[in-house]
C-alpha cells in the first residue's frame, strides 16, 4: 500500500499486519486499558473496523457519531472524517481494521 504523511504515531500494545497489497491492508490492533488511537483522518482511504474483543468505540466528527461495538460488530469511517478509537470506558479491546483503497496517510486533528 502506498504511504503518505503520518501525523500520529501509535503507542499501543499490539499492531499486527495480517495482509497487505498494492491498495489495501488488514491489521489487528490491541489496545490495553487507557490506550487509544488519537483523533486523526485519512485523505483518501476508508477505515473499516470489526470488533474482535472487548467493547470498541469509534467516535467521529462531521458528522458527529459514536459507534459502540461488541465483538463481531463493524462500522466504516470514510475519507476526510476525523475519528478517535478506544475501548469503552478506556477498557482493553482488540479490533481488525481494513484500510484502502488509495494512498495511506494519517493527519492529526487537534
PDB file of N, CA and C in Angstrom:
ATOM      1  N   UNK A   1       0.844  -1.175   0.000  1.00  0.00           N
ATOM      2  CA  UNK A   1       0.000   0.000   0.000  1.00  0.00           C
ATOM      3  C   UNK A   1       0.888   1.237   0.000  1.00  0.00           C
ATOM      4  N   UNK A   2       0.563   2.203  -0.826  1.00  0.00           N
ATOM      5  CA  UNK A   2       1.348   3.437  -0.877  1.00  0.00           C
ATOM      6  C   UNK A   2       1.189   4.217   0.415  1.00  0.00           C
ATOM      7  N   UNK A   3       2.278   4.823   0.857  1.00  0.00           N
ATOM      8  CA  UNK A   3       2.281   5.586   2.102  1.00  0.00           C
ATOM      9  C   UNK A   3       2.383   7.074   1.823  1.00  0.00           C
ATOM     10  N   UNK A   4       1.624   7.848   2.594  1.00  0.00           N
ATOM     11  CA  UNK A   4       1.711   9.296   2.568  1.00  0.00           C
ATOM     12  C   UNK A   4       2.266   9.777   3.900  1.00  0.00           C
ATOM     13  N   UNK A   5       2.001  11.031   4.247  1.00  0.00           N
ATOM     14  CA  UNK A   5       2.484  11.604   5.503  1.00  0.00           C
ATOM     15  C   UNK A   5       1.779  10.987   6.696  1.00  0.00           C
ATOM     16  N   UNK A   6       2.518  10.843   7.778  1.00  0.00           N
ATOM     17  CA  UNK A   6       1.948  10.352   9.033  1.00  0.00           C
ATOM     18  C   UNK A   6       2.014  11.462  10.066  1.00  0.00           C
ATOM     19  N   UNK A   7       0.842  11.814  10.595  1.00  0.00           N
ATOM     20  CA  UNK A   7       0.769  12.879  11.582  1.00  0.00           C
ATOM     21  C   UNK A   7       0.707  12.370  13.001  1.00  0.00           C
ATOM     22  N   UNK A   8       0.431  11.061  13.162  1.00  0.00           N
ATOM     23  CA  UNK A   8       0.372  10.478  14.508  1.00  0.00           C
ATOM     24  C   UNK A   8       1.200   9.199  14.521  1.00  0.00           C
ATOM     25  N   UNK A   9       1.717   8.893  15.685  1.00  0.00           N
ATOM     26  CA  UNK A   9       2.414   7.642  15.928  1.00  0.00           C
ATOM     27  C   UNK A   9       1.629   6.905  17.003  1.00  0.00           C
ATOM     28  N   UNK A  10       1.370   5.634  16.783  1.00  0.00           N
ATOM     29  CA  UNK A  10       0.594   4.856  17.747  1.00  0.00           C
ATOM     30  C   UNK A  10       1.496   4.283  18.832  1.00  0.00           C
ATOM     31  N   UNK A  11       1.113   4.510  20.065  1.00  0.00           N
ATOM     32  CA  UNK A  11       1.773   3.908  21.219  1.00  0.00           C
ATOM     33  C   UNK A  11       0.756   2.977  21.864  1.00  0.00           C
ATOM     34  N   UNK A  12       0.632   1.783  21.264  1.00  0.00           N
ATOM     35  CA  UNK A  12      -0.384   0.835  21.710  1.00  0.00           C
ATOM     36  C   UNK A  12       0.260  -0.529  21.943  1.00  0.00           C
ATOM     37  N   UNK A  13      -0.467  -1.401  22.599  1.00  0.00           N
ATOM     38  CA  UNK A  13       0.041  -2.718  22.972  1.00  0.00           C
ATOM     39  C   UNK A  13       0.332  -3.605  21.774  1.00  0.00           C
ATOM     40  N   UNK A  14      -0.543  -3.611  20.761  1.00  0.00           N
ATOM     41  CA  UNK A  14      -0.323  -4.505  19.636  1.00  0.00           C
ATOM     42  C   UNK A  14      -0.734  -3.921  18.302  1.00  0.00           C
ATOM     43  N   UNK A  15       0.099  -4.188  17.286  1.00  0.00           N
ATOM     44  CA  UNK A  15      -0.177  -3.755  15.916  1.00  0.00           C
ATOM     45  C   UNK A  15       0.372  -4.836  14.996  1.00  0.00           C
ATOM     46  N   UNK A  16      -0.511  -5.672  14.476  1.00  0.00           N
ATOM     47  CA  UNK A  16      -0.101  -6.775  13.616  1.00  0.00           C
ATOM     48  C   UNK A  16      -0.652  -6.584  12.210  1.00  0.00           C
ATOM     49  N   UNK A  17       0.214  -6.606  11.220  1.00  0.00           N
ATOM     50  CA  UNK A  17      -0.244  -6.578   9.837  1.00  0.00           C
ATOM     51  C   UNK A  17      -0.513  -8.011   9.413  1.00  0.00           C
ATOM     52  N   UNK A  18      -1.755  -8.297   9.087  1.00  0.00           N
ATOM     53  CA  UNK A  18      -2.143  -9.647   8.659  1.00  0.00           C
ATOM     54  C   UNK A  18      -2.018  -9.808   7.157  1.00  0.00           C
ATOM     55  N   UNK A  19      -2.281  -8.732   6.443  1.00  0.00           N
ATOM     56  CA  UNK A  19      -2.276  -8.819   4.992  1.00  0.00           C
ATOM     57  C   UNK A  19      -2.071  -7.419   4.435  1.00  0.00           C
ATOM     58  N   UNK A  20      -1.289  -7.326   3.352  1.00  0.00           N
ATOM     59  CA  UNK A  20      -1.112  -6.034   2.710  1.00  0.00           C
ATOM     60  C   UNK A  20      -0.894  -6.251   1.216  1.00  0.00           C
ATOM     61  N   UNK A  21      -1.572  -5.425   0.427  1.00  0.00           N
ATOM     62  CA  UNK A  21      -1.437  -5.474  -1.017  1.00  0.00           C
ATOM     63  C   UNK A  21      -1.149  -4.088  -1.556  1.00  0.00           C
ATOM     64  N   UNK A  22      -1.279  -3.941  -2.856  1.00  0.00           N
ATOM     65  CA  UNK A  22      -0.973  -2.667  -3.505  1.00  0.00           C
ATOM     66  C   UNK A  22      -1.881  -1.538  -3.035  1.00  0.00           C
ATOM     67  N   UNK A  23      -3.142  -1.841  -2.711  1.00  0.00           N
ATOM     68  CA  UNK A  23      -4.069  -0.774  -2.337  1.00  0.00           C
ATOM     69  C   UNK A  23      -4.967  -1.117  -1.156  1.00  0.00           C
ATOM     70  N   UNK A  24      -4.574  -2.113  -0.351  1.00  0.00           N
ATOM     71  CA  UNK A  24      -5.388  -2.482   0.808  1.00  0.00           C
ATOM     72  C   UNK A  24      -4.510  -3.131   1.865  1.00  0.00           C
ATOM     73  N   UNK A  25      -4.924  -2.949   3.130  1.00  0.00           N
ATOM     74  CA  UNK A  25      -4.181  -3.501   4.260  1.00  0.00           C
ATOM     75  C   UNK A  25      -5.169  -4.013   5.307  1.00  0.00           C
ATOM     76  N   UNK A  26      -4.811  -5.097   5.994  1.00  0.00           N
ATOM     77  CA  UNK A  26      -5.597  -5.638   7.101  1.00  0.00           C
ATOM     78  C   UNK A  26      -4.682  -5.729   8.321  1.00  0.00           C
ATOM     79  N   UNK A  27      -5.047  -5.034   9.400  1.00  0.00           N
ATOM     80  CA  UNK A  27      -4.267  -5.028  10.637  1.00  0.00           C
ATOM     81  C   UNK A  27      -5.157  -5.415  11.807  1.00  0.00           C
ATOM     82  N   UNK A  28      -4.548  -6.014  12.824  1.00  0.00           N
ATOM     83  CA  UNK A  28      -5.225  -6.233  14.097  1.00  0.00           C
ATOM     84  C   UNK A  28      -4.525  -5.358  15.116  1.00  0.00           C
ATOM     85  N   UNK A  29      -5.297  -4.481  15.760  1.00  0.00           N
ATOM     86  CA  UNK A  29      -4.764  -3.587  16.785  1.00  0.00           C
ATOM     87  C   UNK A  29      -5.296  -4.004  18.142  1.00  0.00           C
ATOM     88  N   UNK A  30      -4.418  -3.986  19.131  1.00  0.00           N
ATOM     89  CA  UNK A  30      -4.772  -4.326  20.505  1.00  0.00           C
ATOM     90  C   UNK A  30      -4.514  -3.110  21.377  1.00  0.00           C
ATOM     91  N   UNK A  31      -5.544  -2.671  22.069  1.00  0.00           N
ATOM     92  CA  UNK A  31      -5.441  -1.536  22.983  1.00  0.00           C
ATOM     93  C   UNK A  31      -5.563  -2.038  24.411  1.00  0.00           C
ATOM     94  N   UNK A  32      -4.578  -1.734  25.246  1.00  0.00           N
ATOM     95  CA  UNK A  32      -4.653  -2.034  26.671  1.00  0.00           C
ATOM     96  C   UNK A  32      -5.497  -0.950  27.350  1.00  0.00           C
ATOM     97  N   UNK A  33      -5.795  -1.151  28.610  1.00  0.00           N
ATOM     98  CA  UNK A  33      -6.560  -0.161  29.373  1.00  0.00           C
ATOM     99  C   UNK A  33      -5.881   1.199  29.268  1.00  0.00           C
ATOM    100  N   UNK A  34      -6.660   2.229  28.918  1.00  0.00           N
ATOM    101  CA  UNK A  34      -6.162   3.589  28.827  1.00  0.00           C
ATOM    102  C   UNK A  34      -5.555   3.966  27.488  1.00  0.00           C
ATOM    103  N   UNK A  35      -5.358   3.001  26.585  1.00  0.00           N
ATOM    104  CA  UNK A  35      -4.773   3.301  25.280  1.00  0.00           C
ATOM    105  C   UNK A  35      -5.850   3.694  24.268  1.00  0.00           C
ATOM    106  N   UNK A  36      -5.416   4.415  23.225  1.00  0.00           N
ATOM    107  CA  UNK A  36      -6.344   4.852  22.187  1.00  0.00           C
ATOM    108  C   UNK A  36      -5.596   5.101  20.885  1.00  0.00           C
ATOM    109  N   UNK A  37      -6.367   5.270  19.829  1.00  0.00           N
ATOM    110  CA  UNK A  37      -5.853   5.800  18.566  1.00  0.00           C
ATOM    111  C   UNK A  37      -6.372   7.229  18.529  1.00  0.00           C
ATOM    112  N   UNK A  38      -5.477   8.240  18.659  1.00  0.00           N
ATOM    113  CA  UNK A  38      -5.927   9.630  18.792  1.00  0.00           C
ATOM    114  C   UNK A  38      -6.678  10.153  17.565  1.00  0.00           C
ATOM    115  N   UNK A  39      -7.323  11.293  17.749  1.00  0.00           N
ATOM    116  CA  UNK A  39      -8.071  11.926  16.664  1.00  0.00           C
ATOM    117  C   UNK A  39      -7.186  12.117  15.440  1.00  0.00           C
ATOM    118  N   UNK A  40      -7.688  11.676  14.292  1.00  0.00           N
ATOM    119  CA  UNK A  40      -6.985  11.818  13.021  1.00  0.00           C
ATOM    120  C   UNK A  40      -7.967  11.566  11.880  1.00  0.00           C
ATOM    121  N   UNK A  41      -7.531  11.804  10.663  1.00  0.00           N
ATOM    122  CA  UNK A  41      -8.326  11.428   9.494  1.00  0.00           C
ATOM    123  C   UNK A  41      -7.386  10.966   8.394  1.00  0.00           C
ATOM    124  N   UNK A  42      -7.962  10.369   7.350  1.00  0.00           N
ATOM    125  CA  UNK A  42      -7.215   9.918   6.181  1.00  0.00           C
ATOM    126  C   UNK A  42      -7.752  10.670   4.966  1.00  0.00           C
ATOM    127  N   UNK A  43      -6.867  11.117   4.113  1.00  0.00           N
ATOM    128  CA  UNK A  43      -7.253  11.909   2.959  1.00  0.00           C
ATOM    129  C   UNK A  43      -8.019  11.083   1.930  1.00  0.00           C
ATOM    130  N   UNK A  44      -7.544   9.859   1.648  1.00  0.00           N
ATOM    131  CA  UNK A  44      -8.102   9.055   0.553  1.00  0.00           C
ATOM    132  C   UNK A  44      -8.805   7.772   0.968  1.00  0.00           C
ATOM    133  N   UNK A  45      -8.426   7.193   2.087  1.00  0.00           N
ATOM    134  CA  UNK A  45      -8.883   5.831   2.376  1.00  0.00           C
ATOM    135  C   UNK A  45     -10.038   5.773   3.370  1.00  0.00           C
ATOM    136  N   UNK A  46     -10.743   4.662   3.315  1.00  0.00           N
ATOM    137  CA  UNK A  46     -11.782   4.338   4.286  1.00  0.00           C
ATOM    138  C   UNK A  46     -11.200   3.372   5.302  1.00  0.00           C
ATOM    139  N   UNK A  47     -11.525   3.562   6.582  1.00  0.00           N
ATOM    140  CA  UNK A  47     -11.195   2.608   7.635  1.00  0.00           C
ATOM    141  C   UNK A  47     -12.440   1.788   7.919  1.00  0.00           C
ATOM    142  N   UNK A  48     -12.324   0.472   7.825  1.00  0.00           N
ATOM    143  CA  UNK A  48     -13.428  -0.428   8.173  1.00  0.00           C
ATOM    144  C   UNK A  48     -13.005  -1.191   9.427  1.00  0.00           C
ATOM    145  N   UNK A  49     -13.782  -1.067  10.490  1.00  0.00           N
ATOM    146  CA  UNK A  49     -13.472  -1.658  11.790  1.00  0.00           C
ATOM    147  C   UNK A  49     -14.360  -2.863  12.060  1.00  0.00           C
ATOM    148  N   UNK A  50     -13.768  -3.913  12.647  1.00  0.00           N
ATOM    149  CA  UNK A  50     -14.518  -5.066  13.150  1.00  0.00           C
ATOM    150  C   UNK A  50     -14.006  -5.321  14.567  1.00  0.00           C
ATOM    151  N   UNK A  51     -14.896  -5.255  15.548  1.00  0.00           N
ATOM    152  CA  UNK A  51     -14.505  -5.504  16.935  1.00  0.00           C
ATOM    153  C   UNK A  51     -14.234  -7.003  17.113  1.00  0.00           C
ATOM    154  N   UNK A  52     -13.088  -7.320  17.726  1.00  0.00           N
ATOM    155  CA  UNK A  52     -12.727  -8.712  17.982  1.00  0.00           C
ATOM    156  C   UNK A  52     -12.911  -9.101  19.445  1.00  0.00           C
ATOM    157  N   UNK A  53     -12.571  -8.185  20.363  1.00  0.00           N
ATOM    158  CA  UNK A  53     -12.777  -8.466  21.785  1.00  0.00           C
ATOM    159  C   UNK A  53     -12.936  -7.156  22.540  1.00  0.00           C
ATOM    160  N   UNK A  54     -13.612  -7.232  23.679  1.00  0.00           N
ATOM    161  CA  UNK A  54     -13.917  -6.036  24.444  1.00  0.00           C
ATOM    162  C   UNK A  54     -15.028  -5.257  23.766  1.00  0.00           C
ATOM    163  N   UNK A  55     -15.188  -4.010  24.170  1.00  0.00           N
ATOM    164  CA  UNK A  55     -16.172  -3.101  23.570  1.00  0.00           C
ATOM    165  C   UNK A  55     -15.387  -1.980  22.907  1.00  0.00           C
ATOM    166  N   UNK A  56     -15.516  -1.878  21.585  1.00  0.00           N
ATOM    167  CA  UNK A  56     -14.782  -0.893  20.790  1.00  0.00           C
ATOM    168  C   UNK A  56     -15.643   0.339  20.568  1.00  0.00           C
ATOM    169  N   UNK A  57     -15.045   1.514  20.712  1.00  0.00           N
ATOM    170  CA  UNK A  57     -15.742   2.775  20.453  1.00  0.00           C
ATOM    171  C   UNK A  57     -14.996   3.514  19.346  1.00  0.00           C
ATOM    172  N   UNK A  58     -15.731   3.879  18.292  1.00  0.00           N
ATOM    173  CA  UNK A  58     -15.191   4.704  17.213  1.00  0.00           C
ATOM    174  C   UNK A  58     -16.030   5.980  17.195  1.00  0.00           C
ATOM    175  N   UNK A  59     -15.390   7.091  17.554  1.00  0.00           N
ATOM    176  CA  UNK A  59     -16.074   8.385  17.556  1.00  0.00           C
ATOM    177  C   UNK A  59     -15.677   9.140  16.302  1.00  0.00           C
ATOM    178  N   UNK A  60     -16.622   9.879  15.713  1.00  0.00           N
ATOM    179  CA  UNK A  60     -16.331  10.690  14.534  1.00  0.00           C
ATOM    180  C   UNK A  60     -16.800  12.121  14.749  1.00  0.00           C
ATOM    181  N   UNK A  61     -16.212  13.012  13.960  1.00  0.00           N
ATOM    182  CA  UNK A  61     -16.632  14.417  13.893  1.00  0.00           C
ATOM    183  C   UNK A  61     -17.068  14.673  12.464  1.00  0.00           C
ATOM    184  N   UNK A  62     -18.070  15.484  12.300  1.00  0.00           N
ATOM    185  CA  UNK A  62     -18.537  15.950  10.980  1.00  0.00           C
ATOM    186  C   UNK A  62     -18.748  14.814   9.999  1.00  0.00           C
ATOM    187  N   UNK A  63     -19.677  13.921  10.223  1.00  0.00           N
ATOM    188  CA  UNK A  63     -20.736  14.022  11.226  1.00  0.00           C
ATOM    189  C   UNK A  63     -20.292  13.474  12.585  1.00  0.00           C
ATOM    190  N   UNK A  64     -20.821  14.091  13.639  1.00  0.00           N
ATOM    191  CA  UNK A  64     -20.545  13.625  14.992  1.00  0.00           C
ATOM    192  C   UNK A  64     -21.339  12.341  15.231  1.00  0.00           C
ATOM    193  N   UNK A  65     -20.619  11.289  15.618  1.00  0.00           N
ATOM    194  CA  UNK A  65     -21.262   9.999  15.901  1.00  0.00           C
ATOM    195  C   UNK A  65     -20.381   9.220  16.864  1.00  0.00           C
ATOM    196  N   UNK A  66     -21.003   8.260  17.526  1.00  0.00           N
ATOM    197  CA  UNK A  66     -20.270   7.357  18.412  1.00  0.00           C
ATOM    198  C   UNK A  66     -20.768   5.945  18.117  1.00  0.00           C
ATOM    199  N   UNK A  67     -19.881   5.117  17.602  1.00  0.00           N
ATOM    200  CA  UNK A  67     -20.207   3.726  17.287  1.00  0.00           C
ATOM    201  C   UNK A  67     -19.636   2.865  18.404  1.00  0.00           C
ATOM    202  N   UNK A  68     -20.497   2.199  19.159  1.00  0.00           N
ATOM    203  CA  UNK A  68     -20.066   1.313  20.236  1.00  0.00           C
ATOM    204  C   UNK A  68     -20.334  -0.110  19.768  1.00  0.00           C
ATOM    205  N   UNK A  69     -19.255  -0.899  19.654  1.00  0.00           N
ATOM    206  CA  UNK A  69     -19.358  -2.217  19.030  1.00  0.00           C
ATOM    207  C   UNK A  69     -18.949  -3.340  19.962  1.00  0.00           C
ATOM    208  N   UNK A  70     -19.731  -4.404  19.906  1.00  0.00           N
ATOM    209  CA  UNK A  70     -19.410  -5.664  20.579  1.00  0.00           C
ATOM    210  C   UNK A  70     -18.625  -6.534  19.588  1.00  0.00           C
ATOM    211  N   UNK A  71     -17.987  -7.604  20.064  1.00  0.00           N
ATOM    212  CA  UNK A  71     -17.290  -8.495  19.139  1.00  0.00           C
ATOM    213  C   UNK A  71     -18.202  -8.946  17.994  1.00  0.00           C
ATOM    214  N   UNK A  72     -17.668  -8.854  16.776  1.00  0.00           N
ATOM    215  CA  UNK A  72     -18.403  -9.221  15.578  1.00  0.00           C
ATOM    216  C   UNK A  72     -19.100  -8.061  14.907  1.00  0.00           C
ATOM    217  N   UNK A  73     -19.284  -6.947  15.604  1.00  0.00           N
ATOM    218  CA  UNK A  73     -19.940  -5.786  15.002  1.00  0.00           C
ATOM    219  C   UNK A  73     -18.913  -4.931  14.267  1.00  0.00           C
ATOM    220  N   UNK A  74     -19.411  -4.130  13.304  1.00  0.00           N
ATOM    221  CA  UNK A  74     -18.492  -3.374  12.461  1.00  0.00           C
ATOM    222  C   UNK A  74     -19.044  -2.006  12.106  1.00  0.00           C
ATOM    223  N   UNK A  75     -18.143  -1.145  11.658  1.00  0.00           N
ATOM    224  CA  UNK A  75     -18.517   0.166  11.129  1.00  0.00           C
ATOM    225  C   UNK A  75     -17.403   0.619  10.193  1.00  0.00           C
ATOM    226  N   UNK A  76     -17.683   1.634   9.395  1.00  0.00           N
ATOM    227  CA  UNK A  76     -16.695   2.182   8.473  1.00  0.00           C
ATOM    228  C   UNK A  76     -16.651   3.699   8.619  1.00  0.00           C
ATOM    229  N   UNK A  77     -15.462   4.257   8.481  1.00  0.00           N
ATOM    230  CA  UNK A  77     -15.251   5.701   8.536  1.00  0.00           C
ATOM    231  C   UNK A  77     -14.695   6.125   7.178  1.00  0.00           C
ATOM    232  N   UNK A  78     -15.431   6.966   6.451  1.00  0.00           N
ATOM    233  CA  UNK A  78     -14.988   7.373   5.114  1.00  0.00           C
ATOM    234  C   UNK A  78     -13.818   8.365   5.159  1.00  0.00           C
ATOM    235  N   UNK A  79     -13.181   8.592   4.012  1.00  0.00           N
ATOM    236  CA  UNK A  79     -12.087   9.561   3.945  1.00  0.00           C
ATOM    237  C   UNK A  79     -12.519  10.937   4.452  1.00  0.00           C
ATOM    238  N   UNK A  80     -11.549  11.667   4.980  1.00  0.00           N
ATOM    239  CA  UNK A  80     -11.713  13.044   5.452  1.00  0.00           C
ATOM    240  C   UNK A  80     -12.682  13.173   6.621  1.00  0.00           C
ATOM    241  N   UNK A  81     -12.917  12.086   7.334  1.00  0.00           N
ATOM    242  CA  UNK A  81     -13.758  12.112   8.529  1.00  0.00           C
ATOM    243  C   UNK A  81     -12.867  11.858   9.742  1.00  0.00           C
ATOM    244  N   UNK A  82     -12.740  12.856  10.606  1.00  0.00           N
ATOM    245  CA  UNK A  82     -11.909  12.709  11.802  1.00  0.00           C
ATOM    246  C   UNK A  82     -12.500  11.640  12.704  1.00  0.00           C
ATOM    247  N   UNK A  83     -11.623  10.790  13.275  1.00  0.00           N
ATOM    248  CA  UNK A  83     -12.095   9.736  14.163  1.00  0.00           C
ATOM    249  C   UNK A  83     -11.086   9.450  15.276  1.00  0.00           C
ATOM    250  N   UNK A  84     -11.632   8.896  16.367  1.00  0.00           N
ATOM    251  CA  UNK A  84     -10.904   8.603  17.604  1.00  0.00           C
ATOM    252  C   UNK A  84     -11.365   7.223  18.034  1.00  0.00           C
ATOM    253  N   UNK A  85     -10.430   6.332  18.345  1.00  0.00           N
ATOM    254  CA  UNK A  85     -10.761   4.927  18.599  1.00  0.00           C
ATOM    255  C   UNK A  85     -10.238   4.527  19.977  1.00  0.00           C
ATOM    256  N   UNK A  86     -11.092   3.857  20.765  1.00  0.00           N
ATOM    257  CA  UNK A  86     -10.701   3.435  22.112  1.00  0.00           C
ATOM    258  C   UNK A  86     -11.670   2.375  22.608  1.00  0.00           C
ATOM    259  N   UNK A  87     -11.328   1.752  23.714  1.00  0.00           N
ATOM    260  CA  UNK A  87     -12.238   0.823  24.361  1.00  0.00           C
ATOM    261  C   UNK A  87     -13.268   1.595  25.170  1.00  0.00           C
ATOM    262  N   UNK A  88     -14.448   1.010  25.333  1.00  0.00           N
ATOM    263  CA  UNK A  88     -15.479   1.669  26.141  1.00  0.00           C
ATOM    264  C   UNK A  88     -14.954   1.841  27.561  1.00  0.00           C
ATOM    265  N   UNK A  89     -15.124   3.031  28.106  1.00  0.00           N
ATOM    266  CA  UNK A  89     -14.591   3.403  29.422  1.00  0.00           C
ATOM    267  C   UNK A  89     -13.080   3.205  29.480  1.00  0.00           C
ATOM    268  N   UNK A  90     -12.422   3.299  28.317  1.00  0.00           N
ATOM    269  CA  UNK A  90     -10.970   3.139  28.172  1.00  0.00           C
ATOM    270  C   UNK A  90     -10.487   1.752  28.607  1.00  0.00           C
ATOM    271  N   UNK A  91     -11.369   0.764  28.516  1.00  0.00           N
ATOM    272  CA  UNK A  91     -11.025  -0.624  28.838  1.00  0.00           C
ATOM    273  C   UNK A  91     -10.286  -1.253  27.654  1.00  0.00           C
ATOM    274  N   UNK A  92      -9.609  -2.382  27.858  1.00  0.00           N
ATOM    275  CA  UNK A  92      -8.915  -3.059  26.759  1.00  0.00           C
ATOM    276  C   UNK A  92      -9.881  -3.517  25.667  1.00  0.00           C
ATOM    277  N   UNK A  93      -9.375  -3.559  24.432  1.00  0.00           N
ATOM    278  CA  UNK A  93     -10.145  -4.083  23.314  1.00  0.00           C
ATOM    279  C   UNK A  93      -9.184  -4.471  22.197  1.00  0.00           C
ATOM    280  N   UNK A  94      -9.716  -5.207  21.240  1.00  0.00           N
ATOM    281  CA  UNK A  94      -8.940  -5.601  20.061  1.00  0.00           C
ATOM    282  C   UNK A  94      -9.853  -5.512  18.853  1.00  0.00           C
ATOM    283  N   UNK A  95      -9.283  -5.053  17.719  1.00  0.00           N
ATOM    284  CA  UNK A  95     -10.108  -4.904  16.524  1.00  0.00           C
ATOM    285  C   UNK A  95      -9.306  -5.144  15.258  1.00  0.00           C
ATOM    286  N   UNK A  96     -10.024  -5.557  14.242  1.00  0.00           N
ATOM    287  CA  UNK A  96      -9.493  -5.689  12.892  1.00  0.00           C
ATOM    288  C   UNK A  96      -9.798  -4.388  12.176  1.00  0.00           C
ATOM    289  N   UNK A  97      -8.806  -3.864  11.462  1.00  0.00           N
ATOM    290  CA  UNK A  97      -9.039  -2.670  10.663  1.00  0.00           C
ATOM    291  C   UNK A  97      -8.598  -2.955   9.233  1.00  0.00           C
ATOM    292  N   UNK A  98      -9.517  -2.733   8.310  1.00  0.00           N
ATOM    293  CA  UNK A  98      -9.250  -2.880   6.883  1.00  0.00           C
ATOM    294  C   UNK A  98      -9.122  -1.475   6.322  1.00  0.00           C
ATOM    295  N   UNK A  99      -8.031  -1.219   5.610  1.00  0.00           N
ATOM    296  CA  UNK A  99      -7.767   0.118   5.092  1.00  0.00           C
ATOM    297  C   UNK A  99      -7.489   0.066   3.597  1.00  0.00           C
ATOM    298  N   UNK A 100      -8.112   0.955   2.838  1.00  0.00           N
ATOM    299  CA  UNK A 100      -7.892   1.042   1.401  1.00  0.00           C
ATOM    300  C   UNK A 100      -9.096   1.716   0.807  1.00  0.00           C
ATOM    301  N   UNK A 101      -9.117   1.951  -0.357  1.00  0.00           N
ATOM    302  CA  UNK A 101      -8.193   1.895  -1.471  1.00  0.00           C
ATOM    303  C   UNK A 101      -7.643   3.294  -1.649  1.00  0.00           C
ATOM    304  N   UNK A 102      -6.331   3.438  -1.854  1.00  0.00           N
ATOM    305  CA  UNK A 102      -5.730   4.741  -2.066  1.00  0.00           C
ATOM    306  C   UNK A 102      -4.432   4.864  -1.320  1.00  0.00           C
ATOM    307  N   UNK A 103      -3.884   6.067  -1.275  1.00  0.00           N
ATOM    308  CA  UNK A 103      -2.637   6.332  -0.567  1.00  0.00           C
ATOM    309  C   UNK A 103      -2.969   6.480   0.912  1.00  0.00           C
ATOM    310  N   UNK A 104      -2.231   5.750   1.768  1.00  0.00           N
ATOM    311  CA  UNK A 104      -2.457   5.807   3.208  1.00  0.00           C
ATOM    312  C   UNK A 104      -1.714   6.999   3.808  1.00  0.00           C
ATOM    313  N   UNK A 105      -2.429   7.798   4.561  1.00  0.00           N
ATOM    314  CA  UNK A 105      -1.823   8.837   5.388  1.00  0.00           C
ATOM    315  C   UNK A 105      -2.645   8.915   6.656  1.00  0.00           C
ATOM    316  N   UNK A 106      -2.145   9.643   7.634  1.00  0.00           N
ATOM    317  CA  UNK A 106      -2.975   9.992   8.786  1.00  0.00           C
ATOM    318  C   UNK A 106      -2.617  11.399   9.189  1.00  0.00           C
ATOM    319  N   UNK A 107      -3.643  12.211   9.306  1.00  0.00           N
ATOM    320  CA  UNK A 107      -3.491  13.627   9.601  1.00  0.00           C
ATOM    321  C   UNK A 107      -4.035  13.860  11.004  1.00  0.00           C
ATOM    322  N   UNK A 108      -3.178  14.320  11.902  1.00  0.00           N
ATOM    323  CA  UNK A 108      -3.595  14.573  13.272  1.00  0.00           C
ATOM    324  C   UNK A 108      -4.641  15.682  13.324  1.00  0.00           C
ATOM    325  N   UNK A 109      -5.569  15.533  14.247  1.00  0.00           N
ATOM    326  CA  UNK A 109      -6.608  16.535  14.476  1.00  0.00           C
ATOM    327  C   UNK A 109      -6.433  17.015  15.902  1.00  0.00           C
ATOM    328  N   UNK A 110      -6.313  18.337  16.110  1.00  0.00           N
ATOM    329  CA  UNK A 110      -6.051  18.908  17.420  1.00  0.00           C
ATOM    330  C   UNK A 110      -7.104  18.709  18.438  1.00  0.00           C
TER     331      UNK A 110
END
